[in-house]
Amino acid sequence: MKEQLEALVKKASEAIEKSEDLKSLDDLRVKYLGKKGEITSLKKNISKLSNEEKPMAGKLINQTSNEVEKKLEQRKEEIKKNSSK
């Protein structure tokens, strides 16, 4: 699972860096963090794991979610700053 999450962060980070406007950035937010997003679906699958795996999986998924949110927010600020020039 850790490898899957690392790959997901890498893919999300690359897409976020390439986004050039707020609309495409919001589309990425929905894709990864939205109701049917990739990270959200992983959160829903935690219940299928064994009791020993659940805490670690939850922690990793939350870290991934927070990291993607942080990158989205940073890119949003960059786009706003560049568009106000």
PDB file of N, CA and C in Angstrom:
ATOM      1  N   MET A   1       0.816  -1.195   0.000  1.00  0.00           N
ATOM      2  CA  MET A   1       0.000   0.000   0.000  1.00  0.00           C
ATOM      3  C   MET A   1       0.860   1.260   0.000  1.00  0.00           C
ATOM      4  N   LYS A   2       1.968   1.231   0.723  1.00  0.00           N
ATOM      5  CA  LYS A   2       2.843   2.397   0.793  1.00  0.00           C
ATOM      6  C   LYS A   2       3.345   2.787  -0.597  1.00  0.00           C
ATOM      7  N   GLU A   3       3.725   1.803  -1.388  1.00  0.00           N
ATOM      8  CA  GLU A   3       4.208   2.071  -2.743  1.00  0.00           C
ATOM      9  C   GLU A   3       3.095   2.680  -3.592  1.00  0.00           C
ATOM     10  N   GLN A   4       1.894   2.167  -3.427  1.00  0.00           N
ATOM     11  CA  GLN A   4       0.740   2.671  -4.173  1.00  0.00           C
ATOM     12  C   GLN A   4       0.491   4.148  -3.826  1.00  0.00           C
ATOM     13  N   LEU A   5       0.579   4.464  -2.551  1.00  0.00           N
ATOM     14  CA  LEU A   5       0.360   5.840  -2.113  1.00  0.00           C
ATOM     15  C   LEU A   5       1.473   6.766  -2.586  1.00  0.00           C
ATOM     16  N   GLU A   6       2.706   6.281  -2.556  1.00  0.00           N
ATOM     17  CA  GLU A   6       3.828   7.096  -3.036  1.00  0.00           C
ATOM     18  C   GLU A   6       3.678   7.388  -4.522  1.00  0.00           C
ATOM     19  N   ALA A   7       3.253   6.391  -5.289  1.00  0.00           N
ATOM     20  CA  ALA A   7       3.030   6.581  -6.719  1.00  0.00           C
ATOM     21  C   ALA A   7       1.896   7.579  -6.956  1.00  0.00           C
ATOM     22  N   LEU A   8       0.878   7.500  -6.130  1.00  0.00           N
ATOM     23  CA  LEU A   8      -0.259   8.409  -6.242  1.00  0.00           C
ATOM     24  C   LEU A   8       0.162   9.849  -5.967  1.00  0.00           C
ATOM     25  N   VAL A   9       0.975  10.050  -4.948  1.00  0.00           N
ATOM     26  CA  VAL A   9       1.473  11.393  -4.633  1.00  0.00           C
ATOM     27  C   VAL A   9       2.330  11.913  -5.778  1.00  0.00           C
ATOM     28  N   LYS A  10       3.160  11.065  -6.324  1.00  0.00           N
ATOM     29  CA  LYS A  10       4.035  11.475  -7.435  1.00  0.00           C
ATOM     30  C   LYS A  10       3.198  11.894  -8.637  1.00  0.00           C
ATOM     31  N   LYS A  11       2.212  11.085  -8.975  1.00  0.00           N
ATOM     32  CA  LYS A  11       1.338  11.374 -10.116  1.00  0.00           C
ATOM     33  C   LYS A  11       0.561  12.667  -9.875  1.00  0.00           C
ATOM     34  N   ALA A  12       0.029  12.820  -8.680  1.00  0.00           N
ATOM     35  CA  ALA A  12      -0.729  14.029  -8.343  1.00  0.00           C
ATOM     36  C   ALA A  12       0.175  15.257  -8.382  1.00  0.00           C
ATOM     37  N   SER A  13       1.370  15.132  -7.832  1.00  0.00           N
ATOM     38  CA  SER A  13       2.306  16.261  -7.799  1.00  0.00           C
ATOM     39  C   SER A  13       2.657  16.732  -9.196  1.00  0.00           C
ATOM     40  N   GLU A  14       2.915  15.787 -10.082  1.00  0.00           N
ATOM     41  CA  GLU A  14       3.253  16.141 -11.466  1.00  0.00           C
ATOM     42  C   GLU A  14       2.087  16.849 -12.139  1.00  0.00           C
ATOM     43  N   ALA A  15       0.887  16.345 -11.941  1.00  0.00           N
ATOM     44  CA  ALA A  15      -0.290  16.960 -12.546  1.00  0.00           C
ATOM     45  C   ALA A  15      -0.537  18.356 -11.972  1.00  0.00           C
ATOM     46  N   ILE A  16      -0.339  18.500 -10.673  1.00  0.00           N
ATOM     47  CA  ILE A  16      -0.544  19.798 -10.027  1.00  0.00           C
ATOM     48  C   ILE A  16       0.449  20.821 -10.565  1.00  0.00           C
ATOM     49  N   GLU A  17       1.697  20.419 -10.710  1.00  0.00           N
ATOM     50  CA  GLU A  17       2.721  21.338 -11.229  1.00  0.00           C
ATOM     51  C   GLU A  17       2.406  21.786 -12.653  1.00  0.00           C
ATOM     52  N   LYS A  18       1.798  20.918 -13.438  1.00  0.00           N
ATOM     53  CA  LYS A  18       1.486  21.239 -14.834  1.00  0.00           C
ATOM     54  C   LYS A  18       0.235  22.090 -14.983  1.00  0.00           C
ATOM     55  N   SER A  19      -0.602  22.122 -13.951  1.00  0.00           N
ATOM     56  CA  SER A  19      -1.846  22.887 -14.059  1.00  0.00           C
ATOM     57  C   SER A  19      -1.521  24.370 -14.155  1.00  0.00           C
ATOM     58  N   GLU A  20      -2.252  25.043 -15.036  1.00  0.00           N
ATOM     59  CA  GLU A  20      -1.949  26.446 -15.296  1.00  0.00           C
ATOM     60  C   GLU A  20      -3.059  27.394 -14.900  1.00  0.00           C
ATOM     61  N   ASP A  21      -4.205  26.858 -14.466  1.00  0.00           N
ATOM     62  CA  ASP A  21      -5.290  27.735 -14.028  1.00  0.00           C
ATOM     63  C   ASP A  21      -6.043  27.096 -12.870  1.00  0.00           C
ATOM     64  N   LEU A  22      -6.866  27.901 -12.228  1.00  0.00           N
ATOM     65  CA  LEU A  22      -7.582  27.426 -11.048  1.00  0.00           C
ATOM     66  C   LEU A  22      -8.597  26.341 -11.380  1.00  0.00           C
ATOM     67  N   LYS A  23      -9.166  26.393 -12.576  1.00  0.00           N
ATOM     68  CA  LYS A  23     -10.159  25.384 -12.973  1.00  0.00           C
ATOM     69  C   LYS A  23      -9.506  24.009 -13.069  1.00  0.00           C
ATOM     70  N   SER A  24      -8.383  23.913 -13.737  1.00  0.00           N
ATOM     71  CA  SER A  24      -7.705  22.614 -13.858  1.00  0.00           C
ATOM     72  C   SER A  24      -7.214  22.134 -12.495  1.00  0.00           C
ATOM     73  N   LEU A  25      -6.819  23.063 -11.651  1.00  0.00           N
ATOM     74  CA  LEU A  25      -6.384  22.709 -10.300  1.00  0.00           C
ATOM     75  C   LEU A  25      -7.547  22.154  -9.482  1.00  0.00           C
ATOM     76  N   ASP A  26      -8.714  22.759  -9.628  1.00  0.00           N
ATOM     77  CA  ASP A  26      -9.890  22.260  -8.916  1.00  0.00           C
ATOM     78  C   ASP A  26     -10.298  20.885  -9.446  1.00  0.00           C
ATOM     79  N   ASP A  27     -10.155  20.682 -10.741  1.00  0.00           N
ATOM     80  CA  ASP A  27     -10.449  19.361 -11.320  1.00  0.00           C
ATOM     81  C   ASP A  27      -9.543  18.293 -10.696  1.00  0.00           C
ATOM     82  N   LEU A  28      -8.292  18.635 -10.474  1.00  0.00           N
ATOM     83  CA  LEU A  28      -7.360  17.697  -9.838  1.00  0.00           C
ATOM     84  C   LEU A  28      -7.732  17.443  -8.388  1.00  0.00           C
ATOM     85  N   ARG A  29      -8.175  18.486  -7.695  1.00  0.00           N
ATOM     86  CA  ARG A  29      -8.612  18.319  -6.313  1.00  0.00           C
ATOM     87  C   ARG A  29      -9.762  17.313  -6.249  1.00  0.00           C
ATOM     88  N   VAL A  30     -10.702  17.452  -7.159  1.00  0.00           N
ATOM     89  CA  VAL A  30     -11.840  16.526  -7.200  1.00  0.00           C
ATOM     90  C   VAL A  30     -11.361  15.114  -7.552  1.00  0.00           C
ATOM     91  N   LYS A  31     -10.443  15.033  -8.508  1.00  0.00           N
ATOM     92  CA  LYS A  31      -9.946  13.718  -8.948  1.00  0.00           C
ATOM     93  C   LYS A  31      -9.295  12.941  -7.807  1.00  0.00           C
ATOM     94  N   TYR A  32      -8.552  13.632  -6.972  1.00  0.00           N
ATOM     95  CA  TYR A  32      -7.819  12.945  -5.906  1.00  0.00           C
ATOM     96  C   TYR A  32      -8.524  12.981  -4.555  1.00  0.00           C
ATOM     97  N   LEU A  33      -9.182  14.094  -4.223  1.00  0.00           N
ATOM     98  CA  LEU A  33      -9.717  14.265  -2.877  1.00  0.00           C
ATOM     99  C   LEU A  33     -11.239  14.360  -2.825  1.00  0.00           C
ATOM    100  N   GLY A  34     -11.872  14.384  -3.982  1.00  0.00           N
ATOM    101  CA  GLY A  34     -13.322  14.524  -4.032  1.00  0.00           C
ATOM    102  C   GLY A  34     -14.054  13.285  -3.526  1.00  0.00           C
ATOM    103  N   LYS A  35     -15.366  13.362  -3.543  1.00  0.00           N
ATOM    104  CA  LYS A  35     -16.215  12.296  -3.013  1.00  0.00           C
ATOM    105  C   LYS A  35     -15.903  10.929  -3.635  1.00  0.00           C
ATOM    106  N   LYS A  36     -15.585  10.929  -4.922  1.00  0.00           N
ATOM    107  CA  LYS A  36     -15.237   9.679  -5.604  1.00  0.00           C
ATOM    108  C   LYS A  36     -13.777   9.682  -6.045  1.00  0.00           C
ATOM    109  N   GLY A  37     -12.967  10.468  -5.359  1.00  0.00           N
ATOM    110  CA  GLY A  37     -11.560  10.609  -5.697  1.00  0.00           C
ATOM    111  C   GLY A  37     -10.736   9.386  -5.354  1.00  0.00           C
ATOM    112  N   GLU A  38      -9.539   9.356  -5.912  1.00  0.00           N
ATOM    113  CA  GLU A  38      -8.650   8.206  -5.723  1.00  0.00           C
ATOM    114  C   GLU A  38      -8.262   8.003  -4.257  1.00  0.00           C
ATOM    115  N   ILE A  39      -7.920   9.067  -3.576  1.00  0.00           N
ATOM    116  CA  ILE A  39      -7.525   8.939  -2.168  1.00  0.00           C
ATOM    117  C   ILE A  39      -8.735   8.597  -1.307  1.00  0.00           C
ATOM    118  N   THR A  40      -9.866   9.197  -1.623  1.00  0.00           N
ATOM    119  CA  THR A  40     -11.095   8.918  -0.879  1.00  0.00           C
ATOM    120  C   THR A  40     -11.481   7.456  -1.000  1.00  0.00           C
ATOM    121  N   SER A  41     -11.322   6.896  -2.191  1.00  0.00           N
ATOM    122  CA  SER A  41     -11.677   5.480  -2.364  1.00  0.00           C
ATOM    123  C   SER A  41     -10.748   4.579  -1.555  1.00  0.00           C
ATOM    124  N   LEU A  42      -9.495   4.984  -1.407  1.00  0.00           N
ATOM    125  CA  LEU A  42      -8.579   4.215  -0.566  1.00  0.00           C
ATOM    126  C   LEU A  42      -9.021   4.261   0.895  1.00  0.00           C
ATOM    127  N   LYS A  43      -9.488   5.428   1.326  1.00  0.00           N
ATOM    128  CA  LYS A  43      -9.979   5.554   2.708  1.00  0.00           C
ATOM    129  C   LYS A  43     -11.155   4.607   2.950  1.00  0.00           C
ATOM    130  N   LYS A  44     -12.017   4.501   1.954  1.00  0.00           N
ATOM    131  CA  LYS A  44     -13.191   3.632   2.096  1.00  0.00           C
ATOM    132  C   LYS A  44     -12.800   2.158   2.180  1.00  0.00           C
ATOM    133  N   ASN A  45     -11.677   1.802   1.586  1.00  0.00           N
ATOM    134  CA  ASN A  45     -11.243   0.407   1.568  1.00  0.00           C
ATOM    135  C   ASN A  45     -10.513  -0.018   2.841  1.00  0.00           C
ATOM    136  N   ILE A  46     -10.262   0.895   3.737  1.00  0.00           N
ATOM    137  CA  ILE A  46      -9.579   0.553   4.990  1.00  0.00           C
ATOM    138  C   ILE A  46     -10.353  -0.514   5.750  1.00  0.00           C
ATOM    139  N   SER A  47     -11.661  -0.442   5.688  1.00  0.00           N
ATOM    140  CA  SER A  47     -12.483  -1.395   6.449  1.00  0.00           C
ATOM    141  C   SER A  47     -12.255  -2.836   6.016  1.00  0.00           C
ATOM    142  N   LYS A  48     -11.746  -3.028   4.817  1.00  0.00           N
ATOM    143  CA  LYS A  48     -11.486  -4.375   4.308  1.00  0.00           C
ATOM    144  C   LYS A  48     -10.169  -4.958   4.811  1.00  0.00           C
ATOM    145  N   LEU A  49      -9.354  -4.125   5.430  1.00  0.00           N
ATOM    146  CA  LEU A  49      -8.057  -4.577   5.915  1.00  0.00           C
ATOM    147  C   LEU A  49      -8.190  -5.262   7.274  1.00  0.00           C
ATOM    148  N   SER A  50      -7.147  -5.977   7.646  1.00  0.00           N
ATOM    149  CA  SER A  50      -7.140  -6.620   8.964  1.00  0.00           C
ATOM    150  C   SER A  50      -6.982  -5.551  10.038  1.00  0.00           C
ATOM    151  N   ASN A  51      -7.354  -5.890  11.251  1.00  0.00           N
ATOM    152  CA  ASN A  51      -7.264  -4.937  12.365  1.00  0.00           C
ATOM    153  C   ASN A  51      -5.837  -4.456  12.587  1.00  0.00           C
ATOM    154  N   GLU A  52      -4.851  -5.304  12.295  1.00  0.00           N
ATOM    155  CA  GLU A  52      -3.452  -4.908  12.461  1.00  0.00           C
ATOM    156  C   GLU A  52      -3.037  -3.886  11.404  1.00  0.00           C
ATOM    157  N   GLU A  53      -3.592  -3.988  10.211  1.00  0.00           N
ATOM    158  CA  GLU A  53      -3.195  -3.113   9.100  1.00  0.00           C
ATOM    159  C   GLU A  53      -3.918  -1.767   9.116  1.00  0.00           C
ATOM    160  N   LYS A  54      -5.083  -1.722   9.695  1.00  0.00           N
ATOM    161  CA  LYS A  54      -5.918  -0.508   9.638  1.00  0.00           C
ATOM    162  C   LYS A  54      -5.232   0.755  10.148  1.00  0.00           C
ATOM    163  N   PRO A  55      -4.615   0.731  11.357  1.00  0.00           N
ATOM    164  CA  PRO A  55      -4.022   1.985  11.853  1.00  0.00           C
ATOM    165  C   PRO A  55      -2.919   2.526  10.947  1.00  0.00           C
ATOM    166  N   MET A  56      -2.042   1.667  10.486  1.00  0.00           N
ATOM    167  CA  MET A  56      -0.949   2.114   9.621  1.00  0.00           C
ATOM    168  C   MET A  56      -1.483   2.601   8.274  1.00  0.00           C
ATOM    169  N   ALA A  57      -2.433   1.872   7.716  1.00  0.00           N
ATOM    170  CA  ALA A  57      -3.016   2.273   6.433  1.00  0.00           C
ATOM    171  C   ALA A  57      -3.706   3.622   6.569  1.00  0.00           C
ATOM    172  N   GLY A  58      -4.452   3.788   7.641  1.00  0.00           N
ATOM    173  CA  GLY A  58      -5.134   5.066   7.871  1.00  0.00           C
ATOM    174  C   GLY A  58      -4.159   6.216   7.976  1.00  0.00           C
ATOM    175  N   LYS A  59      -3.088   5.987   8.706  1.00  0.00           N
ATOM    176  CA  LYS A  59      -2.070   7.026   8.885  1.00  0.00           C
ATOM    177  C   LYS A  59      -1.425   7.389   7.542  1.00  0.00           C
ATOM    178  N   LEU A  60      -1.065   6.380   6.760  1.00  0.00           N
ATOM    179  CA  LEU A  60      -0.437   6.624   5.451  1.00  0.00           C
ATOM    180  C   LEU A  60      -1.381   7.354   4.498  1.00  0.00           C
ATOM    181  N   ILE A  61      -2.634   6.930   4.497  1.00  0.00           N
ATOM    182  CA  ILE A  61      -3.607   7.565   3.600  1.00  0.00           C
ATOM    183  C   ILE A  61      -3.840   9.019   4.017  1.00  0.00           C
ATOM    184  N   ASN A  62      -3.930   9.276   5.306  1.00  0.00           N
ATOM    185  CA  ASN A  62      -4.101  10.651   5.780  1.00  0.00           C
ATOM    186  C   ASN A  62      -2.896  11.516   5.439  1.00  0.00           C
ATOM    187  N   GLN A  63      -1.700  10.960   5.567  1.00  0.00           N
ATOM    188  CA  GLN A  63      -0.491  11.704   5.199  1.00  0.00           C
ATOM    189  C   GLN A  63      -0.515  12.039   3.710  1.00  0.00           C
ATOM    190  N   THR A  64      -0.920  11.068   2.908  1.00  0.00           N
ATOM    191  CA  THR A  64      -1.004  11.270   1.464  1.00  0.00           C
ATOM    192  C   THR A  64      -2.011  12.364   1.144  1.00  0.00           C
ATOM    193  N   SER A  65      -3.162  12.276   1.761  1.00  0.00           N
ATOM    194  CA  SER A  65      -4.214  13.268   1.551  1.00  0.00           C
ATOM    195  C   SER A  65      -3.731  14.665   1.931  1.00  0.00           C
ATOM    196  N   ASN A  66      -3.085  14.772   3.083  1.00  0.00           N
ATOM    197  CA  ASN A  66      -2.569  16.071   3.530  1.00  0.00           C
ATOM    198  C   ASN A  66      -1.501  16.613   2.598  1.00  0.00           C
ATOM    199  N   GLU A  67      -0.653  15.730   2.099  1.00  0.00           N
ATOM    200  CA  GLU A  67       0.415  16.149   1.194  1.00  0.00           C
ATOM    201  C   GLU A  67      -0.159  16.679  -0.116  1.00  0.00           C
ATOM    202  N   VAL A  68      -1.139  15.985  -0.662  1.00  0.00           N
ATOM    203  CA  VAL A  68      -1.767  16.430  -1.909  1.00  0.00           C
ATOM    204  C   VAL A  68      -2.503  17.753  -1.680  1.00  0.00           C
ATOM    205  N   GLU A  69      -3.208  17.872  -0.568  1.00  0.00           N
ATOM    206  CA  GLU A  69      -3.898  19.133  -0.246  1.00  0.00           C
ATOM    207  C   GLU A  69      -2.912  20.289  -0.163  1.00  0.00           C
ATOM    208  N   LYS A  70      -1.778  20.041   0.478  1.00  0.00           N
ATOM    209  CA  LYS A  70      -0.754  21.074   0.635  1.00  0.00           C
ATOM    210  C   LYS A  70      -0.215  21.505  -0.732  1.00  0.00           C
ATOM    211  N   LYS A  71       0.063  20.553  -1.594  1.00  0.00           N
ATOM    212  CA  LYS A  71       0.576  20.864  -2.928  1.00  0.00           C
ATOM    213  C   LYS A  71      -0.464  21.637  -3.747  1.00  0.00           C
ATOM    214  N   LEU A  72      -1.724  21.249  -3.617  1.00  0.00           N
ATOM    215  CA  LEU A  72      -2.793  21.972  -4.315  1.00  0.00           C
ATOM    216  C   LEU A  72      -2.861  23.422  -3.847  1.00  0.00           C
ATOM    217  N   GLU A  73      -2.779  23.626  -2.552  1.00  0.00           N
ATOM    218  CA  GLU A  73      -2.861  24.974  -1.984  1.00  0.00           C
ATOM    219  C   GLU A  73      -1.664  25.823  -2.417  1.00  0.00           C
ATOM    220  N   GLN A  74      -0.470  25.224  -2.421  1.00  0.00           N
ATOM    221  CA  GLN A  74       0.728  25.954  -2.849  1.00  0.00           C
ATOM    222  C   GLN A  74       0.601  26.379  -4.312  1.00  0.00           C
ATOM    223  N   ARG A  75       0.148  25.458  -5.146  1.00  0.00           N
ATOM    224  CA  ARG A  75       0.020  25.762  -6.578  1.00  0.00           C
ATOM    225  C   ARG A  75      -1.068  26.813  -6.807  1.00  0.00           C
ATOM    226  N   LYS A  76      -2.128  26.738  -6.022  1.00  0.00           N
ATOM    227  CA  LYS A  76      -3.208  27.716  -6.129  1.00  0.00           C
ATOM    228  C   LYS A  76      -2.673  29.120  -5.854  1.00  0.00           C
ATOM    229  N   GLU A  77      -1.859  29.244  -4.819  1.00  0.00           N
ATOM    230  CA  GLU A  77      -1.272  30.542  -4.483  1.00  0.00           C
ATOM    231  C   GLU A  77      -0.341  31.025  -5.600  1.00  0.00           C
ATOM    232  N   GLU A  78       0.438  30.105  -6.179  1.00  0.00           N
ATOM    233  CA  GLU A  78       1.336  30.473  -7.283  1.00  0.00           C
ATOM    234  C   GLU A  78       0.538  30.990  -8.477  1.00  0.00           C
ATOM    235  N   ILE A  79      -0.541  30.282  -8.807  1.00  0.00           N
ATOM    236  CA  ILE A  79      -1.365  30.688  -9.952  1.00  0.00           C
ATOM    237  C   ILE A  79      -1.990  32.065  -9.703  1.00  0.00           C
ATOM    238  N   LYS A  80      -2.504  32.255  -8.500  1.00  0.00           N
ATOM    239  CA  LYS A  80      -3.102  33.562  -8.164  1.00  0.00           C
ATOM    240  C   LYS A  80      -2.077  34.681  -8.262  1.00  0.00           C
ATOM    241  N   LYS A  81      -0.876  34.413  -7.744  1.00  0.00           N
ATOM    242  CA  LYS A  81       0.186  35.409  -7.761  1.00  0.00           C
ATOM    243  C   LYS A  81       0.582  35.756  -9.202  1.00  0.00           C
ATOM    244  N   ASN A  82       0.713  34.736 -10.041  1.00  0.00           N
ATOM    245  CA  ASN A  82       1.117  34.956 -11.419  1.00  0.00           C
ATOM    246  C   ASN A  82       0.029  35.639 -12.237  1.00  0.00           C
ATOM    247  N   SER A  83      -1.226  35.376 -11.930  1.00  0.00           N
ATOM    248  CA  SER A  83      -2.307  35.988 -12.707  1.00  0.00           C
ATOM    249  C   SER A  83      -2.544  37.437 -12.302  1.00  0.00           C
ATOM    250  N   SER A  84      -2.064  37.839 -11.139  1.00  0.00           N
ATOM    251  CA  SER A  84      -2.264  39.227 -10.699  1.00  0.00           C
ATOM    252  C   SER A  84      -1.161  40.146 -11.225  1.00  0.00           C
ATOM    253  N   LYS A  85      -0.172  39.585 -11.873  1.00  0.00           N
ATOM    254  CA  LYS A  85       0.923  40.409 -12.415  1.00  0.00           C
ATOM    255  C   LYS A  85       0.494  41.141 -13.663  1.00  0.00           C
TER     256      LYS A  85
END
